[in-house]
Amino acid sequence: MWPSVSECRQTADQLSTLCGSPSDVSVHKCISDLDTALSDIEEGLDDRELELNQMLQKAQQCSTCLDVCNALSHCLDTSAVVSCTFISISSLTLLIR
């Protein structure tokens, strides 16, 4: 198991204390690199979350459209035109929203 970021920071602080100021710059550079990498990962995760939410929204719209198509198909296959008209109009209203 990899250490957490806070454990890395704590170890870096201990290392800086033990080694003194000459190595302090190197230790802080490593922590800065760690912060940059973590920031890049978080940004990538945020981008991916946005993409997945957009795909989910489109999939839900397609599902609603498919439901409308199925309802219309049912209307064509039966003689219940009045009830199917109601179903189709209410379904299309959902798509417009």
N, C-alpha and C. Protein backbone atom coordinates (compact mmCIF):
# COMPACT_ATOMS: atom_id res chain seq x y z
N MET A 1 0.84 -1.18 0.00
CA MET A 1 0.00 0.00 0.00
C MET A 1 0.89 1.24 0.00
N TRP A 2 0.52 2.21 -0.82
CA TRP A 2 1.28 3.45 -0.92
C TRP A 2 0.96 4.36 0.26
N PRO A 3 1.94 5.16 0.68
CA PRO A 3 1.67 6.09 1.79
C PRO A 3 0.75 7.22 1.31
N SER A 4 0.02 7.80 2.25
CA SER A 4 -0.86 8.92 1.90
C SER A 4 -0.02 10.19 1.70
N VAL A 5 -0.64 11.20 1.12
CA VAL A 5 0.05 12.46 0.88
C VAL A 5 0.47 13.09 2.20
N SER A 6 -0.39 13.01 3.20
CA SER A 6 -0.03 13.60 4.50
C SER A 6 1.15 12.87 5.13
N GLU A 7 1.25 11.55 4.93
CA GLU A 7 2.40 10.80 5.44
C GLU A 7 3.68 11.22 4.72
N CYS A 8 3.56 11.47 3.42
CA CYS A 8 4.73 11.94 2.66
C CYS A 8 5.19 13.31 3.16
N ARG A 9 4.24 14.18 3.42
CA ARG A 9 4.58 15.51 3.93
C ARG A 9 5.25 15.42 5.31
N GLN A 10 4.71 14.56 6.15
CA GLN A 10 5.27 14.39 7.49
C GLN A 10 6.70 13.84 7.41
N THR A 11 6.91 12.85 6.56
CA THR A 11 8.24 12.28 6.37
C THR A 11 9.20 13.33 5.82
N ALA A 12 8.72 14.16 4.89
CA ALA A 12 9.55 15.23 4.33
C ALA A 12 9.95 16.24 5.40
N ASP A 13 9.01 16.58 6.27
CA ASP A 13 9.34 17.51 7.37
C ASP A 13 10.38 16.91 8.30
N GLN A 14 10.23 15.62 8.60
CA GLN A 14 11.21 14.95 9.47
C GLN A 14 12.58 14.90 8.80
N LEU A 15 12.59 14.61 7.51
CA LEU A 15 13.84 14.54 6.76
C LEU A 15 14.52 15.90 6.72
N SER A 16 13.75 16.96 6.51
CA SER A 16 14.31 18.32 6.49
C SER A 16 14.93 18.67 7.84
N THR A 17 14.27 18.27 8.91
CA THR A 17 14.77 18.56 10.25
C THR A 17 16.08 17.81 10.50
N LEU A 18 16.14 16.56 10.07
CA LEU A 18 17.35 15.74 10.30
C LEU A 18 18.53 16.19 9.45
N CYS A 19 18.28 16.54 8.20
CA CYS A 19 19.37 16.85 7.27
C CYS A 19 19.80 18.31 7.30
N GLY A 20 18.95 19.17 7.76
CA GLY A 20 19.31 20.59 7.80
C GLY A 20 18.92 21.31 6.52
N SER A 21 19.34 22.56 6.45
CA SER A 21 18.91 23.43 5.35
C SER A 21 19.46 23.09 3.97
N PRO A 22 20.67 22.47 3.82
CA PRO A 22 21.13 22.16 2.45
C PRO A 22 20.18 21.21 1.71
N SER A 23 19.62 20.27 2.40
CA SER A 23 18.73 19.31 1.72
C SER A 23 17.28 19.78 1.75
N ASP A 24 17.01 20.84 2.49
CA ASP A 24 15.66 21.35 2.63
C ASP A 24 15.07 21.73 1.27
N VAL A 25 15.87 22.32 0.40
CA VAL A 25 15.40 22.72 -0.92
C VAL A 25 14.99 21.50 -1.74
N SER A 26 15.80 20.46 -1.68
CA SER A 26 15.50 19.23 -2.43
C SER A 26 14.21 18.58 -1.92
N VAL A 27 14.06 18.56 -0.62
CA VAL A 27 12.87 17.94 -0.03
C VAL A 27 11.62 18.73 -0.44
N HIS A 28 11.70 20.05 -0.35
CA HIS A 28 10.54 20.87 -0.73
C HIS A 28 10.24 20.77 -2.23
N LYS A 29 11.27 20.57 -3.05
CA LYS A 29 11.06 20.37 -4.48
C LYS A 29 10.29 19.07 -4.73
N CYS A 30 10.64 18.03 -4.00
CA CYS A 30 9.93 16.75 -4.14
C CYS A 30 8.47 16.89 -3.71
N ILE A 31 8.22 17.61 -2.63
CA ILE A 31 6.85 17.83 -2.16
C ILE A 31 6.09 18.68 -3.18
N SER A 32 6.75 19.66 -3.78
CA SER A 32 6.12 20.49 -4.81
C SER A 32 5.75 19.63 -6.02
N ASP A 33 6.65 18.73 -6.41
CA ASP A 33 6.37 17.82 -7.52
C ASP A 33 5.18 16.91 -7.18
N LEU A 34 5.12 16.46 -5.94
CA LEU A 34 4.00 15.63 -5.48
C LEU A 34 2.69 16.41 -5.57
N ASP A 35 2.70 17.67 -5.14
CA ASP A 35 1.51 18.52 -5.21
C ASP A 35 1.06 18.73 -6.65
N THR A 36 2.02 18.95 -7.55
CA THR A 36 1.70 19.14 -8.97
C THR A 36 1.07 17.89 -9.56
N ALA A 37 1.65 16.74 -9.26
CA ALA A 37 1.11 15.47 -9.77
C ALA A 37 -0.30 15.23 -9.23
N LEU A 38 -0.49 15.50 -7.96
CA LEU A 38 -1.80 15.32 -7.35
C LEU A 38 -2.82 16.26 -7.97
N SER A 39 -2.43 17.49 -8.23
CA SER A 39 -3.31 18.46 -8.86
C SER A 39 -3.70 18.01 -10.27
N ASP A 40 -2.73 17.48 -11.02
CA ASP A 40 -3.00 16.98 -12.37
C ASP A 40 -3.99 15.81 -12.34
N ILE A 41 -3.82 14.93 -11.39
CA ILE A 41 -4.73 13.79 -11.25
C ILE A 41 -6.14 14.26 -10.91
N GLU A 42 -6.25 15.20 -9.97
CA GLU A 42 -7.56 15.71 -9.58
C GLU A 42 -8.25 16.42 -10.75
N GLU A 43 -7.48 17.16 -11.54
CA GLU A 43 -8.03 17.85 -12.71
C GLU A 43 -8.54 16.83 -13.74
N GLY A 44 -7.77 15.77 -13.94
CA GLY A 44 -8.20 14.72 -14.86
C GLY A 44 -9.46 14.03 -14.38
N LEU A 45 -9.56 13.80 -13.08
CA LEU A 45 -10.76 13.18 -12.53
C LEU A 45 -11.97 14.10 -12.68
N ASP A 46 -11.78 15.39 -12.46
CA ASP A 46 -12.88 16.35 -12.64
C ASP A 46 -13.36 16.37 -14.08
N ASP A 47 -12.41 16.36 -15.03
CA ASP A 47 -12.77 16.34 -16.45
C ASP A 47 -13.54 15.07 -16.79
N ARG A 48 -13.08 13.96 -16.29
CA ARG A 48 -13.73 12.67 -16.57
C ARG A 48 -15.13 12.64 -15.96
N GLU A 49 -15.29 13.19 -14.76
CA GLU A 49 -16.61 13.23 -14.13
C GLU A 49 -17.58 14.05 -14.97
N LEU A 50 -17.12 15.18 -15.48
CA LEU A 50 -17.96 16.03 -16.33
C LEU A 50 -18.37 15.28 -17.60
N GLU A 51 -17.42 14.60 -18.23
CA GLU A 51 -17.72 13.83 -19.43
C GLU A 51 -18.74 12.73 -19.14
N LEU A 52 -18.57 12.02 -18.04
CA LEU A 52 -19.49 10.94 -17.69
C LEU A 52 -20.88 11.48 -17.40
N ASN A 53 -20.98 12.62 -16.73
CA ASN A 53 -22.29 13.21 -16.46
C ASN A 53 -22.98 13.63 -17.75
N GLN A 54 -22.22 14.18 -18.70
CA GLN A 54 -22.80 14.55 -19.99
C GLN A 54 -23.28 13.32 -20.76
N MET A 55 -22.50 12.24 -20.73
CA MET A 55 -22.91 11.01 -21.39
C MET A 55 -24.15 10.41 -20.74
N LEU A 56 -24.23 10.48 -19.41
CA LEU A 56 -25.39 9.97 -18.71
C LEU A 56 -26.64 10.76 -19.10
N GLN A 57 -26.52 12.07 -19.19
CA GLN A 57 -27.65 12.91 -19.57
C GLN A 57 -28.12 12.55 -20.99
N LYS A 58 -27.18 12.36 -21.91
CA LYS A 58 -27.55 11.98 -23.28
C LYS A 58 -28.20 10.60 -23.32
N ALA A 59 -27.70 9.68 -22.51
CA ALA A 59 -28.28 8.34 -22.46
C ALA A 59 -29.71 8.40 -21.92
N GLN A 60 -29.95 9.25 -20.92
CA GLN A 60 -31.30 9.40 -20.38
C GLN A 60 -32.23 9.99 -21.43
N GLN A 61 -31.74 10.95 -22.21
CA GLN A 61 -32.56 11.53 -23.28
C GLN A 61 -32.88 10.47 -24.34
N CYS A 62 -31.90 9.65 -24.68
CA CYS A 62 -32.13 8.57 -25.66
C CYS A 62 -33.14 7.57 -25.13
N SER A 63 -33.06 7.27 -23.85
CA SER A 63 -34.00 6.34 -23.24
C SER A 63 -35.42 6.89 -23.29
N THR A 64 -35.57 8.18 -23.00
CA THR A 64 -36.88 8.81 -23.07
C THR A 64 -37.41 8.79 -24.50
N CYS A 65 -36.54 9.09 -25.44
CA CYS A 65 -36.92 9.08 -26.86
C CYS A 65 -37.34 7.67 -27.28
N LEU A 66 -36.62 6.67 -26.83
CA LEU A 66 -36.96 5.29 -27.15
C LEU A 66 -38.32 4.92 -26.56
N ASP A 67 -38.59 5.38 -25.34
CA ASP A 67 -39.90 5.13 -24.73
C ASP A 67 -41.02 5.74 -25.56
N VAL A 68 -40.78 6.96 -26.07
CA VAL A 68 -41.77 7.62 -26.92
C VAL A 68 -41.97 6.81 -28.21
N CYS A 69 -40.88 6.38 -28.80
CA CYS A 69 -40.98 5.58 -30.03
C CYS A 69 -41.74 4.29 -29.79
N ASN A 70 -41.47 3.64 -28.68
CA ASN A 70 -42.18 2.40 -28.34
C ASN A 70 -43.67 2.67 -28.13
N ALA A 71 -44.00 3.79 -27.48
CA ALA A 71 -45.40 4.13 -27.27
C ALA A 71 -46.09 4.40 -28.60
N LEU A 72 -45.41 5.12 -29.49
CA LEU A 72 -45.98 5.39 -30.81
C LEU A 72 -46.14 4.10 -31.62
N SER A 73 -45.17 3.21 -31.51
CA SER A 73 -45.24 1.93 -32.21
C SER A 73 -46.44 1.13 -31.70
N HIS A 74 -46.67 1.16 -30.41
CA HIS A 74 -47.80 0.47 -29.82
C HIS A 74 -49.10 1.05 -30.35
N CYS A 75 -49.16 2.37 -30.53
CA CYS A 75 -50.36 3.01 -31.05
C CYS A 75 -50.67 2.54 -32.46
N LEU A 76 -49.64 2.35 -33.25
CA LEU A 76 -49.85 1.90 -34.62
C LEU A 76 -50.32 0.45 -34.68
N ASP A 77 -49.96 -0.32 -33.64
CA ASP A 77 -50.32 -1.74 -33.63
C ASP A 77 -51.68 -2.02 -33.02
N THR A 78 -52.29 -1.04 -32.37
CA THR A 78 -53.57 -1.28 -31.69
C THR A 78 -54.61 -0.30 -32.17
N SER A 79 -55.84 -0.54 -31.76
CA SER A 79 -56.93 0.35 -32.13
C SER A 79 -57.22 1.37 -31.04
N ALA A 80 -56.41 1.39 -29.98
CA ALA A 80 -56.63 2.32 -28.87
C ALA A 80 -56.00 3.66 -29.18
N VAL A 81 -56.47 4.32 -30.19
CA VAL A 81 -55.87 5.55 -30.68
C VAL A 81 -55.99 6.67 -29.65
N VAL A 82 -57.09 6.78 -28.97
CA VAL A 82 -57.29 7.87 -28.01
C VAL A 82 -56.30 7.77 -26.86
N SER A 83 -56.16 6.60 -26.25
CA SER A 83 -55.22 6.47 -25.13
C SER A 83 -53.78 6.63 -25.61
N CYS A 84 -53.47 6.13 -26.80
CA CYS A 84 -52.12 6.27 -27.33
C CYS A 84 -51.79 7.72 -27.64
N THR A 85 -52.76 8.47 -28.10
CA THR A 85 -52.53 9.88 -28.38
C THR A 85 -52.16 10.60 -27.09
N PHE A 86 -52.86 10.27 -26.01
CA PHE A 86 -52.55 10.86 -24.71
C PHE A 86 -51.14 10.49 -24.27
N ILE A 87 -50.80 9.22 -24.41
CA ILE A 87 -49.45 8.77 -24.01
C ILE A 87 -48.39 9.47 -24.84
N SER A 88 -48.60 9.58 -26.13
CA SER A 88 -47.61 10.20 -27.01
C SER A 88 -47.43 11.67 -26.70
N ILE A 89 -48.52 12.38 -26.48
CA ILE A 89 -48.42 13.80 -26.18
C ILE A 89 -47.71 14.02 -24.85
N SER A 90 -48.06 13.23 -23.84
CA SER A 90 -47.39 13.41 -22.54
C SER A 90 -45.92 13.04 -22.62
N SER A 91 -45.59 12.04 -23.40
CA SER A 91 -44.18 11.65 -23.56
C SER A 91 -43.39 12.71 -24.31
N LEU A 92 -43.99 13.26 -25.35
CA LEU A 92 -43.31 14.31 -26.10
C LEU A 92 -43.12 15.56 -25.26
N THR A 93 -44.05 15.82 -24.36
CA THR A 93 -43.92 16.94 -23.45
C THR A 93 -42.69 16.75 -22.57
N LEU A 94 -42.43 15.52 -22.14
CA LEU A 94 -41.24 15.23 -21.33
C LEU A 94 -39.97 15.50 -22.13
N LEU A 95 -39.99 15.19 -23.42
CA LEU A 95 -38.80 15.42 -24.25
C LEU A 95 -38.51 16.90 -24.43
N ILE A 96 -39.56 17.69 -24.51
CA ILE A 96 -39.38 19.12 -24.73
C ILE A 96 -38.77 19.79 -23.51
N ARG A 97 -39.08 19.32 -22.34
CA ARG A 97 -38.58 19.93 -21.10
C ARG A 97 -37.13 19.85 -21.00
